[in-house]
């Protein structure tokens, strides 16, 4: 039997629109602890964009949350495609680097679409900085890549995914989701080990405007012709 990697934590997944006021307040507090100038209206809007919230507590204190949803989408050249839309996530500093983000995101893959082991699916997320994008960049099929303009097919799929997130202004060549003109917030995170080349895909991301980088990657592998 595999040992529980989080014996000190308690977890729960709830529907975003049914989030309790006390949980919402705790999420806002953790948002404030994780971002300077945290935009609470942006987080509240996310409750109506993505269906599920996964929560983690330690001794009664909220130490992590993630929004997300698993859907089946009609993508360009890819009918009925399983897609996981990862949303905002915040982890308390003392619980980072324990893979808690990934655990919480997997917990939001419930309802609406059966997750079949081994079936091809598209993982998606909007990134604030290279440290949050790093896990996805390890996948060969990731888009965007530094110094490479996405192919026409990749741009079309990116546009469709941006639409699923409710993004109104998306640049398919850079994969930048342009914001509303108001900052989402500025991450409070140690990025001392981030290499300069990891910032390249974020060059057009303007956090003052509320921008984010859309990242997508196939699991376990990409469909034929994805890189062409």
Protein backbone atom coordinates (compact mmCIF):
# COMPACT_ATOMS: atom_id res chain seq x y z
CA UNK A 1 0.00 0.00 0.00
CA UNK A 2 1.33 3.44 -0.96
CA UNK A 3 1.93 5.77 1.97
CA UNK A 4 -0.21 8.89 2.21
CA UNK A 5 2.03 11.77 1.03
CA UNK A 6 -0.04 14.28 3.03
CA UNK A 7 -0.93 12.68 6.38
CA UNK A 8 -1.03 16.15 7.96
CA UNK A 9 -3.60 17.60 5.53
CA UNK A 10 -7.34 17.35 5.04
CA UNK A 11 -8.91 17.72 1.57
CA UNK A 12 -12.30 18.52 0.09
CA UNK A 13 -13.63 19.28 -3.40
CA UNK A 14 -16.72 21.47 -3.78
CA UNK A 15 -18.68 23.03 -6.63
CA UNK A 16 -17.37 26.56 -7.23
CA UNK A 17 -20.80 28.20 -7.26
CA UNK A 18 -21.65 26.52 -3.94
CA UNK A 19 -18.50 27.62 -2.11
CA UNK A 20 -19.29 28.55 1.50
CA UNK A 21 -18.72 32.11 2.63
CA UNK A 22 -16.15 31.02 5.20
CA UNK A 23 -14.20 29.06 2.56
CA UNK A 24 -14.37 31.99 0.15
CA UNK A 25 -13.01 34.31 2.85
CA UNK A 26 -10.17 31.87 3.60
CA UNK A 27 -9.36 31.66 -0.12
CA UNK A 28 -9.19 35.44 -0.36
CA UNK A 29 -6.87 35.53 2.65
CA UNK A 30 -4.54 32.95 1.08
CA UNK A 31 -4.72 34.89 -2.21
CA UNK A 32 -3.57 38.01 -0.31
CA UNK A 33 -0.71 36.04 1.24
CA UNK A 34 0.39 34.71 -2.16
CA UNK A 35 0.02 37.84 -4.33
CA UNK A 36 0.70 41.52 -3.83
CA UNK A 37 -2.31 43.63 -4.85
CA UNK A 38 -4.45 40.50 -5.13
CA UNK A 39 -7.51 41.18 -7.29
CA UNK A 40 -10.38 39.63 -5.35
CA UNK A 41 -12.87 40.36 -8.15
CA UNK A 42 -10.78 38.17 -10.49
CA UNK A 43 -10.93 35.25 -8.06
CA UNK A 44 -14.67 35.68 -7.57
CA UNK A 45 -15.19 35.67 -11.34
CA UNK A 46 -13.28 32.38 -11.54
CA UNK A 47 -15.99 30.70 -9.46
CA UNK A 48 -18.33 31.15 -12.44
CA UNK A 49 -15.75 30.08 -15.06
CA UNK A 50 -14.53 26.75 -13.64
CA UNK A 51 -16.82 24.26 -11.89
CA UNK A 52 -14.71 22.87 -9.06
CA UNK A 53 -12.56 24.04 -6.16
CA UNK A 54 -10.21 21.69 -4.31
CA UNK A 55 -9.22 22.78 -0.81
CA UNK A 56 -6.51 21.64 1.61
CA UNK A 57 -6.34 22.40 5.35
CA UNK A 58 -3.71 21.93 8.02
CA UNK A 59 -4.92 22.07 11.64
CA UNK A 60 -8.03 23.95 10.55
CA UNK A 61 -6.16 26.52 8.42
CA UNK A 62 -6.56 26.68 4.65
CA UNK A 63 -3.11 26.07 3.13
CA UNK A 64 -3.96 25.42 -0.50
CA UNK A 65 -6.66 25.64 -3.11
CA UNK A 66 -7.06 25.16 -6.84
CA UNK A 67 -9.87 25.79 -9.29
CA UNK A 68 -10.34 23.58 -12.32
CA UNK A 69 -12.63 21.57 -14.52
CA UNK A 70 -12.51 18.58 -16.85
CA UNK A 71 -14.52 18.96 -20.05
CA UNK A 72 -14.97 17.31 -23.42
CA UNK A 73 -14.51 20.02 -26.07
CA UNK A 74 -14.83 20.20 -29.83
CA UNK A 75 -11.38 21.51 -30.79
CA UNK A 76 -10.13 22.28 -34.31
CA UNK A 77 -9.49 18.92 -36.08
CA UNK A 78 -10.04 17.20 -32.71
CA UNK A 79 -13.67 16.27 -32.01
CA UNK A 80 -14.76 15.25 -28.51
CA UNK A 81 -11.39 15.92 -26.86
CA UNK A 82 -10.92 15.51 -23.08
CA UNK A 83 -9.50 18.77 -21.74
CA UNK A 84 -8.46 19.75 -18.23
CA UNK A 85 -8.73 23.47 -17.55
CA UNK A 86 -6.58 24.39 -14.56
CA UNK A 87 -7.48 27.62 -12.83
CA UNK A 88 -6.04 29.81 -10.12
CA UNK A 89 -4.13 28.03 -7.38
CA UNK A 90 -2.55 29.30 -4.20
CA UNK A 91 -0.34 27.33 -1.82
CA UNK A 92 0.87 28.56 1.57
CA UNK A 93 4.67 29.11 1.47
CA UNK A 94 5.48 26.37 3.97
CA UNK A 95 3.60 23.80 1.86
CA UNK A 96 5.17 24.60 -1.49
CA UNK A 97 7.48 22.14 -3.28
CA UNK A 98 5.42 19.21 -2.01
CA UNK A 99 3.53 18.74 -5.31
CA UNK A 100 0.39 19.98 -3.58
CA UNK A 101 -0.63 22.08 -6.58
CA UNK A 102 -0.75 19.00 -8.83
CA UNK A 103 -2.71 17.03 -6.24
CA UNK A 104 -5.33 19.76 -5.90
CA UNK A 105 -5.66 20.20 -9.65
CA UNK A 106 -6.21 16.47 -10.12
CA UNK A 107 -8.97 16.68 -7.52
CA UNK A 108 -10.85 19.15 -9.74
CA UNK A 109 -11.00 16.61 -12.61
CA UNK A 110 -14.46 15.48 -11.58
CA UNK A 111 -17.89 15.58 -13.19
CA UNK A 112 -18.84 16.15 -16.79
CA UNK A 113 -16.10 14.03 -18.37
CA UNK A 114 -14.80 10.64 -17.38
CA UNK A 115 -11.02 10.58 -16.99
CA UNK A 116 -9.96 7.38 -18.74
CA UNK A 117 -6.45 6.20 -17.71
CA UNK A 118 -4.05 6.42 -20.64
CA UNK A 119 -6.49 8.29 -22.88
CA UNK A 120 -5.11 11.33 -24.69
CA UNK A 121 -6.13 14.58 -23.06
CA UNK A 122 -5.06 18.21 -23.20
CA UNK A 123 -3.86 19.93 -20.05
CA UNK A 124 -4.24 23.71 -19.94
CA UNK A 125 -3.46 26.55 -17.61
CA UNK A 126 -2.91 30.29 -17.44
CA UNK A 127 0.49 31.09 -15.98
CA UNK A 128 1.71 34.07 -14.00
CA UNK A 129 5.43 33.29 -14.09
CA UNK A 130 7.99 30.68 -15.25
CA UNK A 131 8.00 28.80 -11.95
CA UNK A 132 4.32 27.90 -12.40
CA UNK A 133 4.90 26.96 -16.06
CA UNK A 134 7.95 24.77 -15.39
CA UNK A 135 6.08 21.50 -14.86
CA UNK A 136 4.30 21.83 -18.19
CA UNK A 137 7.47 22.76 -20.07
CA UNK A 138 8.87 19.28 -19.33
CA UNK A 139 6.27 17.83 -21.71
CA UNK A 140 7.49 17.57 -25.33
CA UNK A 141 4.16 18.75 -26.76
CA UNK A 142 3.97 21.96 -24.74
CA UNK A 143 2.95 25.21 -26.40
CA UNK A 144 4.34 27.85 -26.36
CA UNK A 145 8.05 27.13 -26.60
CA UNK A 146 10.83 29.77 -26.43
CA UNK A 147 11.76 31.11 -29.86
CA UNK A 148 9.14 29.04 -31.73
CA UNK A 149 6.00 30.53 -33.23
CA UNK A 150 3.07 28.12 -32.72
CA UNK A 151 1.87 26.31 -35.85
CA UNK A 152 -1.47 27.23 -37.39
CA UNK A 153 -3.12 24.21 -35.78
CA UNK A 154 -1.61 25.02 -32.40
CA UNK A 155 -2.82 28.62 -32.71
CA UNK A 156 -6.34 27.44 -33.55
CA UNK A 157 -6.43 25.10 -30.57
CA UNK A 158 -5.01 27.84 -28.34
CA UNK A 159 -7.74 30.21 -29.47
CA UNK A 160 -10.40 27.62 -28.66
CA UNK A 161 -8.96 26.98 -25.19
CA UNK A 162 -8.72 30.70 -24.48
CA UNK A 163 -12.41 30.92 -25.36
CA UNK A 164 -13.20 28.10 -22.91
CA UNK A 165 -11.58 30.22 -20.19
CA UNK A 166 -13.68 33.21 -21.22
CA UNK A 167 -10.67 35.16 -22.48
CA UNK A 168 -11.82 37.94 -24.81
CA UNK A 169 -8.42 39.07 -26.12
CA UNK A 170 -5.96 36.31 -26.99
CA UNK A 171 -2.79 36.53 -29.10
CA UNK A 172 -2.38 33.13 -30.80
CA UNK A 173 1.22 33.85 -31.85
CA UNK A 174 2.44 34.51 -28.30
CA UNK A 175 -0.27 32.62 -26.36
CA UNK A 176 -0.75 35.70 -24.18
CA UNK A 177 -4.19 36.20 -22.66
CA UNK A 178 -4.56 39.97 -22.49
CA UNK A 179 -6.17 41.23 -19.30
CA UNK A 180 -8.87 43.78 -18.62
CA UNK A 181 -6.39 46.53 -17.77
CA UNK A 182 -6.40 45.76 -14.05
CA UNK A 183 -3.64 43.63 -12.45
CA UNK A 184 -4.59 40.17 -11.21
CA UNK A 185 -1.80 40.44 -8.65
CA UNK A 186 1.95 40.01 -8.41
CA UNK A 187 3.09 36.59 -7.16
CA UNK A 188 5.00 36.45 -3.89
CA UNK A 189 7.25 33.52 -4.73
CA UNK A 190 10.97 32.80 -4.71
CA UNK A 191 12.05 32.53 -8.35
CA UNK A 192 15.77 32.55 -7.68
CA UNK A 193 16.34 29.29 -9.57
CA UNK A 194 14.45 30.41 -12.71
CA UNK A 195 16.80 30.65 -15.69
CA UNK A 196 16.73 33.69 -18.03
CA UNK A 197 15.56 31.59 -21.01
CA UNK A 198 12.47 30.55 -19.04
CA UNK A 199 11.28 34.15 -19.12
CA UNK A 200 11.34 34.33 -22.92
CA UNK A 201 7.75 33.14 -23.46
CA UNK A 202 6.62 35.68 -20.84
CA UNK A 203 8.21 38.62 -22.67
CA UNK A 204 4.83 39.92 -23.93
CA UNK A 205 2.98 39.25 -20.65
CA UNK A 206 2.07 42.55 -18.99
CA UNK A 207 1.04 41.82 -15.42
CA UNK A 208 0.10 45.47 -14.90
CA UNK A 209 -2.62 44.93 -17.53
CA UNK A 210 -3.72 41.64 -15.99
CA UNK A 211 -2.13 39.42 -18.65
CA UNK A 212 -1.34 35.73 -18.26
CA UNK A 213 0.37 33.14 -20.45
CA UNK A 214 -1.74 30.26 -21.73
CA UNK A 215 0.10 26.95 -21.66
CA UNK A 216 -1.17 23.71 -23.19
CA UNK A 217 0.33 20.22 -23.41
CA UNK A 218 -0.87 16.77 -24.41
CA UNK A 219 -0.79 13.75 -22.12
CA UNK A 220 0.49 11.10 -22.65
CA UNK A 221 1.36 12.17 -26.21
CA UNK A 222 0.31 14.61 -28.94
CA UNK A 223 -1.92 13.81 -31.90
CA UNK A 224 -0.22 13.12 -35.21
CA UNK A 225 0.95 16.29 -36.96
CA UNK A 226 0.86 18.47 -33.83
CA UNK A 227 4.34 19.91 -34.43
CA UNK A 228 3.94 20.38 -38.21
